[in-house]
Amino acid sequence: DGPTYPFYYPHFDVEEKFPPTQIFEHTDPGSRADPAKPHLLTANTTTKDITSYIGTEITGVQISELSKEGLDELALYAAQRKLLIFRDQDFKDLSPDRQIEIAKHFGPIQRHPTSGNVKGYPEFHVVYRDPEHDEFRNYRGGNRANGTSWHSDISYEKQPPGTTFFFILDQPETGGDTLFLSQAEAYKRLSPEFQKRLEGLRAVHSAIEQAEFSKKRGGPVRREPVETEHPLVRVHPVTGEKALYVNQGFTRRIVGYKQEESEYLLKFLYDHISKGADFHVRATYRPGTVVVWDNRLTAHSATLDFENTIRRHAVRLTPQAEVPIPA
């Protein structure tokens, strides 16, 4: 049958256009949070850390019922734990306006230049796969041994995302998880001398390949693709934690390096990130799951571990944050 939530079926309008993004002042909500988190971690809240470095599963609290203070604490907790998996949420059954209102607490919501959105609501980034729609596999290329593709969302933006929301509408009974890793722990695993070598370097993050793919398949390019320089090592504005900020999805070259030098160093970093299973986790979904993560401190990948005869339907709200702060 059709999607359980047809309102969120991906919409592509090639005539839809957005102006270039503008720089804005951003204060992270986590900077206002009470470190004890009394509005988020109440007596009814149960938490379970998945690993020491990344990931906490949370039950007994509804994101939709959090006060402004509770949302501030959520931002801080996401920065500290990198990934939060909220169970048994009513989030998917809220009105779209209310969903957007909650996400906007964390920053202006990015409107994606090429992905499916919701008609009349370009704030929603729709992730959809069924027997007739498999754009992820097409984007990564059909001639691949696996579908793992580590990335940090829209890192090509001048002000990439911070606290990000992702909720499931339809899912397979098994599979369809998301892999996450801590870019902060990946940085810490490097030697002090190598850390110093990376600090101060900048890399170019590009939207061009994504735009060209959309154009080639007859999809929209709602905003002209940009290329933006970001630090290889960035600092979180609230926790002060340092993290690698490179990803195979959008990072293209290191500024000031010759091509071979850039490719060699980036390949080492990509291998280091992808092979670091001891700072990876796997986010699993069930009805009512909402995943919240800090894009500044993590990378993630979808997993193509189920047949495309099964529908997987999810939605992302992507608030933008500060211009990355260099280490």
Foldseek 3Di string as FASTA:
>chain_A
DDFPCVQWDFDFDQPAADEADDADDFDFLLQVEDQVLCQACDPQKDWDAPAPAAEIEIERDELLPGDLRNLNNVLNVQVRRQKYKYFPYCLVVDDPVSNCVSLCSRADWDQDQFATGGVVCSLKHKDKFAPVDDVQCVLVDVPDPFSWFKDQPPPQGQFFFFKKKKAWRFDDPDAFWKKKFFQLVLLVVDDPVVNVVQFPWKFKFWCVSVCVVQVVVVGHRRYPIGIDIARQWFADPRPRGIGGHDGPVTTDFIPPDPPVVGVVVVVVSHCSGVPPVSRMDIGDDDPRMMMIGTSVTMIMTTGPPDDSNGMIIMIMRTHTRHRTHTD
